[in-house]
Protein backbone atom coordinates (compact mmCIF):
# COMPACT_ATOMS: atom_id res chain seq x y z
CA UNK A 1 -8.09 8.78 -19.94
CA UNK A 2 -6.89 6.55 -22.84
CA UNK A 3 -3.23 5.99 -23.46
CA UNK A 4 -2.06 6.48 -19.89
CA UNK A 5 1.48 5.19 -19.33
CA UNK A 6 2.17 4.97 -15.60
CA UNK A 7 5.46 4.57 -13.77
CA UNK A 8 4.65 2.91 -10.45
CA UNK A 9 6.94 2.65 -7.39
CA UNK A 10 6.29 0.48 -4.33
CA UNK A 11 5.60 -2.74 -6.24
CA UNK A 12 5.24 -5.63 -5.40
CA UNK A 13 4.31 -4.45 -1.92
CA UNK A 14 0.89 -5.37 -0.54
CA UNK A 15 -0.76 -2.02 -1.26
CA UNK A 16 1.17 -1.60 -4.51
CA UNK A 17 0.17 -4.87 -6.11
CA UNK A 18 -3.48 -4.32 -5.22
CA UNK A 19 -3.40 -0.81 -6.65
CA UNK A 20 -1.74 -1.95 -9.87
CA UNK A 21 -4.36 -4.62 -10.40
CA UNK A 22 -7.21 -2.17 -9.85
CA UNK A 23 -5.56 0.49 -12.03
CA UNK A 24 -5.56 -1.91 -14.98
CA UNK A 25 -9.08 -3.17 -14.27
CA UNK A 26 -10.31 0.40 -14.08
CA UNK A 27 -8.53 1.47 -17.29
CA UNK A 28 -7.75 -1.48 -19.62
CA UNK A 29 -6.04 0.92 -22.06
CA UNK A 30 -3.43 1.97 -19.51
CA UNK A 31 0.12 0.65 -19.40
CA UNK A 32 1.84 0.24 -16.02
CA UNK A 33 5.61 0.02 -15.68
CA UNK A 34 6.72 -0.89 -12.16
CA UNK A 35 10.07 0.38 -10.92
CA UNK A 36 11.41 -2.44 -8.73
CA UNK A 37 14.60 -2.89 -6.74
CA UNK A 38 16.75 -5.51 -8.52
CA UNK A 39 16.56 -7.99 -5.62
CA UNK A 40 12.76 -7.95 -5.77
CA UNK A 41 12.48 -8.49 -9.54
CA UNK A 42 11.81 -12.28 -9.26
CA UNK A 43 8.97 -11.66 -6.78
CA UNK A 44 7.61 -8.80 -8.91
CA UNK A 45 7.54 -11.06 -11.97
CA UNK A 46 5.66 -13.75 -10.03
CA UNK A 47 3.10 -11.19 -8.83
CA UNK A 48 2.69 -9.83 -12.37
CA UNK A 49 2.13 -13.36 -13.70
CA UNK A 50 -0.59 -13.94 -11.08
CA UNK A 51 -2.26 -10.61 -11.87
CA UNK A 52 -2.31 -11.37 -15.60
CA UNK A 53 -4.07 -14.67 -14.90
CA UNK A 54 -7.19 -12.72 -13.93
CA UNK A 55 -9.77 -12.72 -16.73
CA UNK A 56 -10.26 -8.97 -16.29
CA UNK A 57 -6.54 -8.38 -16.88
CA UNK A 58 -6.14 -10.60 -19.91
CA UNK A 59 -4.01 -8.66 -22.37
CA UNK A 60 -3.17 -5.93 -19.83
CA UNK A 61 0.07 -4.03 -20.41
CA UNK A 62 2.06 -4.55 -17.22
CA UNK A 63 5.79 -5.04 -16.73
CA UNK A 64 8.59 -4.25 -14.31
CA UNK A 65 11.99 -2.63 -14.76
CA UNK A 66 14.91 -2.75 -12.34
CA UNK A 67 15.52 0.55 -10.62
CA UNK A 68 16.17 2.36 -7.35
CA UNK A 69 14.63 5.66 -6.28
CA UNK A 70 17.68 6.50 -4.14
CA UNK A 71 19.70 6.91 -7.36
CA UNK A 72 19.32 10.32 -9.10
CA UNK A 73 18.65 8.45 -12.36
CA UNK A 74 16.25 6.06 -10.55
CA UNK A 75 18.71 3.26 -11.31
CA UNK A 76 17.52 3.35 -14.94
CA UNK A 77 20.80 4.37 -16.54
CA UNK A 78 20.36 4.82 -20.27
CA UNK A 79 16.63 4.09 -20.05
CA UNK A 80 15.94 7.27 -18.04
CA UNK A 81 15.47 9.67 -20.96
CA UNK A 82 13.55 7.26 -23.17
CA UNK A 83 11.19 6.34 -20.31
CA UNK A 84 10.67 10.02 -19.44
CA UNK A 85 9.57 10.63 -23.02
CA UNK A 86 6.78 8.05 -22.65
CA UNK A 87 5.48 8.37 -19.08
CA UNK A 88 2.29 10.39 -18.51
CA UNK A 89 1.71 9.57 -14.82
CA UNK A 90 3.76 8.54 -11.79
CA UNK A 91 2.27 6.76 -8.78
CA UNK A 92 4.87 6.99 -6.02
CA UNK A 93 4.38 4.64 -3.07
CA UNK A 94 7.92 3.43 -2.39
CA UNK A 95 9.15 4.41 1.09
CA UNK A 96 10.40 2.95 4.34
CA UNK A 97 7.47 2.39 6.71
CA UNK A 98 9.23 1.61 9.99
CA UNK A 99 8.78 3.49 13.26
CA UNK A 100 12.30 2.56 14.38
CA UNK A 101 14.15 3.27 11.12
CA UNK A 102 17.45 5.19 11.50
CA UNK A 103 17.26 8.79 10.29
CA UNK A 104 19.95 8.50 7.58
CA UNK A 105 18.30 5.50 5.93
CA UNK A 106 14.84 7.06 6.15
CA UNK A 107 16.11 10.33 4.68
CA UNK A 108 17.85 8.53 1.80
CA UNK A 109 14.73 6.61 0.75
CA UNK A 110 11.83 8.81 1.82
CA UNK A 111 13.24 12.27 1.11
CA UNK A 112 15.97 11.87 -1.50
CA UNK A 113 13.99 9.13 -3.23
CA UNK A 114 11.01 11.45 -3.53
CA UNK A 115 13.27 14.26 -4.77
CA UNK A 116 14.54 11.97 -7.54
CA UNK A 117 11.00 10.93 -8.48
CA UNK A 118 9.96 14.60 -8.69
CA UNK A 119 12.94 15.32 -10.94
CA UNK A 120 11.84 12.48 -13.18
CA UNK A 121 8.30 13.92 -13.32
CA UNK A 122 9.79 17.25 -14.41
CA UNK A 123 11.77 15.48 -17.15
CA UNK A 124 8.66 13.80 -18.60
CA UNK A 125 7.61 15.53 -21.81
CA UNK A 126 3.90 14.62 -21.67
CA UNK A 127 3.29 14.55 -17.95
CA UNK A 128 -0.28 14.67 -16.58
CA UNK A 129 -0.23 13.66 -12.93
CA UNK A 130 1.69 12.46 -9.88
CA UNK A 131 -0.17 10.42 -7.26
CA UNK A 132 1.99 10.65 -4.15
CA UNK A 133 1.48 8.46 -1.07
CA UNK A 134 2.22 10.26 2.19
CA UNK A 135 0.81 9.45 5.64
CA UNK A 136 -1.48 11.03 8.23
CA UNK A 137 1.51 11.18 10.52
CA UNK A 138 3.22 14.05 8.73
CA UNK A 139 1.20 15.86 11.41
CA UNK A 140 3.86 14.70 13.89
CA UNK A 141 3.05 15.59 17.49
CA UNK A 142 0.24 18.00 16.61
CA UNK A 143 -3.01 17.46 18.47
CA UNK A 144 -6.60 18.49 17.84
CA UNK A 145 -8.10 18.74 14.36
CA UNK A 146 -5.64 18.10 11.51
CA UNK A 147 -6.94 19.38 8.19
CA UNK A 148 -6.13 18.12 4.71
CA UNK A 149 -5.08 21.64 3.72
CA UNK A 150 -2.44 21.82 6.47
CA UNK A 151 1.16 20.66 6.31
CA UNK A 152 3.85 22.99 7.66
CA UNK A 153 2.60 23.98 11.10
CA UNK A 154 5.89 24.04 13.03
CA UNK A 155 5.26 20.51 14.31
CA UNK A 156 7.77 18.21 15.96
CA UNK A 157 7.94 14.50 15.24
CA UNK A 158 7.87 11.27 17.17
CA UNK A 159 10.41 9.45 15.03
CA UNK A 160 12.49 9.54 11.83
CA UNK A 161 9.69 7.94 9.81
CA UNK A 162 7.34 10.85 10.50
CA UNK A 163 10.04 13.50 10.04
CA UNK A 164 11.20 12.16 6.67
CA UNK A 165 7.70 11.57 5.29
CA UNK A 166 6.93 15.18 6.26
CA UNK A 167 10.06 16.44 4.52
CA UNK A 168 9.16 14.42 1.43
CA UNK A 169 5.63 15.81 1.32
CA UNK A 170 7.04 19.34 1.64
CA UNK A 171 9.06 18.64 -1.53
CA UNK A 172 5.88 17.51 -3.30
CA UNK A 173 3.97 20.59 -2.08
CA UNK A 174 6.73 22.89 -3.36
CA UNK A 175 6.69 21.14 -6.74
CA UNK A 176 2.91 21.56 -6.88
CA UNK A 177 3.33 25.31 -6.27
CA UNK A 178 5.69 25.41 -9.24
CA UNK A 179 2.97 23.84 -11.38
CA UNK A 180 3.42 20.08 -11.03
CA UNK A 181 0.00 18.40 -11.42
CA UNK A 182 -0.26 16.11 -8.40
CA UNK A 183 -2.47 14.76 -5.66
CA UNK A 184 -1.37 13.67 -2.19
CA UNK A 185 -2.83 10.61 -0.46
CA UNK A 186 -2.44 10.46 3.34
CA UNK A 187 -3.62 7.07 4.63
CA UNK A 188 -4.22 6.20 8.25
CA UNK A 189 -2.95 2.91 9.73
CA UNK A 190 -3.52 0.40 6.93
CA UNK A 191 -4.73 -3.07 7.90
CA UNK A 192 -5.81 -6.12 5.93
CA UNK A 193 -8.71 -6.59 3.56
CA UNK A 194 -12.03 -6.04 5.35
CA UNK A 195 -13.58 -9.00 3.50
CA UNK A 196 -10.83 -11.62 3.76
CA UNK A 197 -8.48 -10.20 6.41
CA UNK A 198 -5.56 -10.70 4.00
CA UNK A 199 -2.37 -8.76 4.68
CA UNK A 200 1.34 -9.46 4.79
CA UNK A 201 2.41 -6.84 7.31
CA UNK A 202 1.45 -7.47 10.93
CA UNK A 203 2.13 -4.11 12.56
CA UNK A 204 -0.04 -1.37 14.08
CA UNK A 205 -3.12 -2.95 15.71
CA UNK A 206 -1.73 -6.43 15.03
CA UNK A 207 0.74 -5.78 17.83
CA UNK A 208 -2.26 -5.68 20.16
CA UNK A 209 -3.43 -9.05 18.83
CA UNK A 210 -0.07 -10.52 19.80
CA UNK A 211 0.10 -8.80 23.19
CA UNK A 212 -3.41 -9.89 24.20
CA UNK A 213 -2.89 -13.43 22.89
CA UNK A 214 0.25 -13.89 25.01
CA UNK A 215 -1.70 -13.10 28.17
CA UNK A 216 -5.10 -14.48 27.19
CA UNK A 217 -5.06 -17.26 29.82
CA UNK A 218 -4.64 -14.89 32.76
CA UNK A 219 -7.74 -14.88 34.99
CA UNK A 220 -7.83 -11.07 35.16
CA UNK A 221 -8.98 -8.53 32.59
CA UNK A 222 -6.00 -6.98 30.81
CA UNK A 223 -5.08 -3.34 31.55
CA UNK A 224 -4.89 -0.58 28.98
CA UNK A 225 -1.58 0.98 27.94
CA UNK A 226 -2.11 4.60 28.89
CA UNK A 227 -5.41 6.51 29.04
CA UNK A 228 -6.24 5.18 25.56
CA UNK A 229 -8.94 7.79 24.96
CA UNK A 230 -7.38 8.96 21.69
CA UNK A 231 -8.78 7.90 18.32
CA UNK A 232 -6.92 5.22 16.36
CA UNK A 233 -7.41 5.78 12.67
CA UNK A 234 -7.48 2.42 10.93
CA UNK A 235 -8.34 1.89 7.27
CA UNK A 236 -8.63 -1.48 5.50
CA UNK A 237 -6.51 -1.88 2.39
CA UNK A 238 -9.51 -2.50 0.12
CA UNK A 239 -11.05 0.88 1.04
CA UNK A 240 -7.72 2.66 0.56
CA UNK A 241 -7.26 1.12 -2.88
CA UNK A 242 -10.78 1.81 -4.11
CA UNK A 243 -10.73 5.39 -2.83
CA UNK A 244 -7.34 6.06 -4.43
CA UNK A 245 -8.45 4.69 -7.79
CA UNK A 246 -11.41 7.11 -7.83
CA UNK A 247 -9.38 10.09 -6.62
CA UNK A 248 -6.43 9.32 -8.88
CA UNK A 249 -8.46 9.39 -12.11
CA UNK A 250 -10.55 12.50 -11.40
CA UNK A 251 -9.14 15.64 -13.12
CA UNK A 252 -10.79 17.84 -10.46
CA UNK A 253 -8.63 16.37 -7.70
CA UNK A 254 -5.33 17.76 -9.03
CA UNK A 255 -3.71 20.04 -6.47
CA UNK A 256 -5.55 18.52 -3.50
CA UNK A 257 -4.58 16.42 -0.49
CA UNK A 258 -6.76 13.53 0.71
CA UNK A 259 -6.68 12.05 4.19
CA UNK A 260 -7.95 8.47 3.92
CA UNK A 261 -9.41 7.94 7.36
CA UNK A 262 -12.33 6.44 9.24
CA UNK A 263 -14.72 9.29 10.15
CA UNK A 264 -16.12 7.10 12.95
CA UNK A 265 -12.73 5.99 14.32
CA UNK A 266 -12.74 4.10 17.62
CA UNK A 267 -10.72 5.24 20.59
CA UNK A 268 -7.76 3.08 21.50
CA UNK A 269 -9.64 1.84 24.56
CA UNK A 270 -12.70 0.85 22.49
CA UNK A 271 -10.51 -0.95 19.98
CA UNK A 272 -8.38 -2.67 22.63
CA UNK A 273 -11.46 -3.69 24.61
CA UNK A 274 -13.07 -5.22 21.52
CA UNK A 275 -9.84 -7.09 20.82
CA UNK A 276 -9.73 -8.38 24.39
CA UNK A 277 -13.33 -9.53 24.13
CA UNK A 278 -12.59 -11.26 20.82
CA UNK A 279 -9.46 -13.06 22.08
CA UNK A 280 -10.11 -13.64 25.79
CA UNK A 281 -13.89 -13.43 26.02
CA UNK A 282 -13.57 -10.46 28.38
CA UNK A 283 -13.33 -6.71 27.69
CA UNK A 284 -10.27 -4.75 28.78
CA UNK A 285 -9.96 -3.57 32.36
CA UNK A 286 -10.90 -0.06 33.41
CA UNK A 287 -7.44 0.68 34.81
CA UNK A 288 -4.33 1.51 32.79
CA UNK A 289 -0.56 1.20 32.83
CA UNK A 290 1.23 4.53 32.29
CA UNK A 291 2.38 4.92 28.65
CA UNK A 292 5.91 5.73 29.81
CA UNK A 293 6.03 2.60 31.98
CA UNK A 294 4.66 0.52 29.09
CA UNK A 295 7.26 1.94 26.68
CA UNK A 296 10.10 1.24 29.11
CA UNK A 297 8.94 -2.34 29.69
CA UNK A 298 8.52 -3.04 25.98
CA UNK A 299 11.95 -1.52 25.26
CA UNK A 300 13.74 -4.00 27.57
CA UNK A 301 15.76 -6.33 25.30
CA UNK A 302 14.38 -9.55 26.81
CA UNK A 303 10.78 -8.29 26.67
CA UNK A 304 11.25 -6.96 23.13
CA UNK A 305 12.50 -10.35 21.92
CA UNK A 306 9.67 -12.21 23.66
CA UNK A 307 6.67 -9.97 23.05
CA UNK A 308 7.93 -8.42 19.77
CA UNK A 309 5.79 -5.29 20.23
CA UNK A 310 7.91 -2.17 19.57
CA UNK A 311 7.80 0.43 22.30
CA UNK A 312 7.59 3.09 19.55
CA UNK A 313 4.02 1.97 18.79
CA UNK A 314 2.55 2.87 22.21
CA UNK A 315 2.39 6.62 21.53
CA UNK A 316 0.10 6.09 18.53
CA UNK A 317 -2.59 4.75 20.83
CA UNK A 318 -2.40 7.83 23.07
CA UNK A 319 -2.03 10.66 20.55
CA UNK A 320 -5.00 13.04 20.60
CA UNK A 321 -5.43 14.04 16.99
CA UNK A 322 -8.52 13.98 14.81
CA UNK A 323 -8.09 13.95 11.04
CA UNK A 324 -10.37 15.87 8.72
CA UNK A 325 -11.38 14.12 5.48
CA UNK A 326 -13.61 16.72 3.81
CA UNK A 327 -11.82 16.56 0.45
CA UNK A 328 -11.95 12.78 0.44
CA UNK A 329 -15.63 12.51 1.29
CA UNK A 330 -16.59 15.24 -1.20
CA UNK A 331 -14.77 13.61 -4.11
CA UNK A 332 -15.96 10.09 -3.25
CA UNK A 333 -19.59 11.20 -3.10
CA UNK A 334 -21.68 9.24 -5.57
CA UNK A 335 -18.96 6.62 -6.13
CA UNK A 336 -20.59 4.05 -3.85
CA UNK A 337 -17.33 3.71 -1.91
CA UNK A 338 -17.70 3.86 1.87
CA UNK A 339 -15.37 2.73 4.63
CA UNK A 340 -16.32 -0.62 6.19
CA UNK A 341 -17.26 -0.72 9.88
CA UNK A 342 -14.26 -1.81 11.97
CA UNK A 343 -16.39 -3.61 14.56
CA UNK A 344 -17.70 -5.84 11.78
CA UNK A 345 -14.42 -6.75 10.06
CA UNK A 346 -12.16 -6.93 13.14
CA UNK A 347 -12.87 -10.69 13.60
CA UNK A 348 -11.69 -11.31 10.02
CA UNK A 349 -8.44 -9.44 10.67
CA UNK A 350 -7.89 -11.53 13.80
CA UNK A 351 -8.72 -14.83 12.07
CA UNK A 352 -6.23 -14.08 9.29
CA UNK A 353 -3.54 -13.06 11.80
CA UNK A 354 -4.18 -16.21 13.83
CA UNK A 355 -3.66 -18.41 10.78
CA UNK A 356 -0.65 -16.56 9.32
CA UNK A 357 1.10 -14.96 12.33
CA UNK A 358 4.23 -17.09 12.00
CA UNK A 359 4.82 -15.91 8.46
CA UNK A 360 6.95 -12.81 7.95
CA UNK A 361 6.32 -10.20 5.25
CA UNK A 362 6.61 -11.87 1.84
CA UNK A 363 7.22 -8.77 -0.25
CA UNK A 364 8.59 -5.28 0.24
CA UNK A 365 6.10 -2.63 1.36
């Protein structure tokens, strides 16, 4: 697809900078313009400089412009119209990924920000495709099989993050019905690189690393938090990036939704037990603490400051949902891309966390 000019949001976040690099490696003729909040411009420029040092990206067309998706004009001012006349694709990743985010802030970024991006897509004169990043958890509190073709099922939500990502995806779905060429990517819980362990966001299963490490010297096996017989859908960032590159360039994927999941996902107990074995040398105990008790303990101010594991995370390890990925597997067939085995790369995730756990996130997500 020569001559692609892509507006990219969510840079220089960890997923965003990896995707941008692979986009340009995959299509050297493409141009990528990253829309970046003004306060992150210095970091974005450093990341761009590092990317352009790669031999494969020598001469790549990559730059950043200051902007803000919460502004109706994307913070572009007088550049809005001229940029809309050039852009052929938008890759929209920017959002607030925080289980405890207040509703107003989440709505402003996740919903209104997406609305403004969709309006920009409509203003583009030679527009070919939107690649929109959602999440598996637009399913909210639904249980059982969750299909890629499903969205509005009358579900309730566990938090403002889920509710606003759902509302944003509804806006995208409505725009697609009106003729907007788009694909929707719904990732599971994204962790570090399966080969190096690299990440800069220690949430999700990394909370379990911290919890187990704090109590690793106890002589007893550590209890589970709740029944823990629900699947935990973890995907390494390298698989997510490679899958999205393939799906995002295929003209046959337009109009479809793709759940990027692990078809052989472990249950929370299996994952927790493997983590316990890795950190303490013993598997998890067979008995469990009630999820409600665990949430109340973790929500206590003193405990929250000490353990730093948000109580909001407990429910995700006890939520009985299974996510279909038929579209994803069908359109990745023959690409050579397959999800790595969690049991095999878990030690690399732990080793990286162990070395870097005192470092906070270096860039926006």
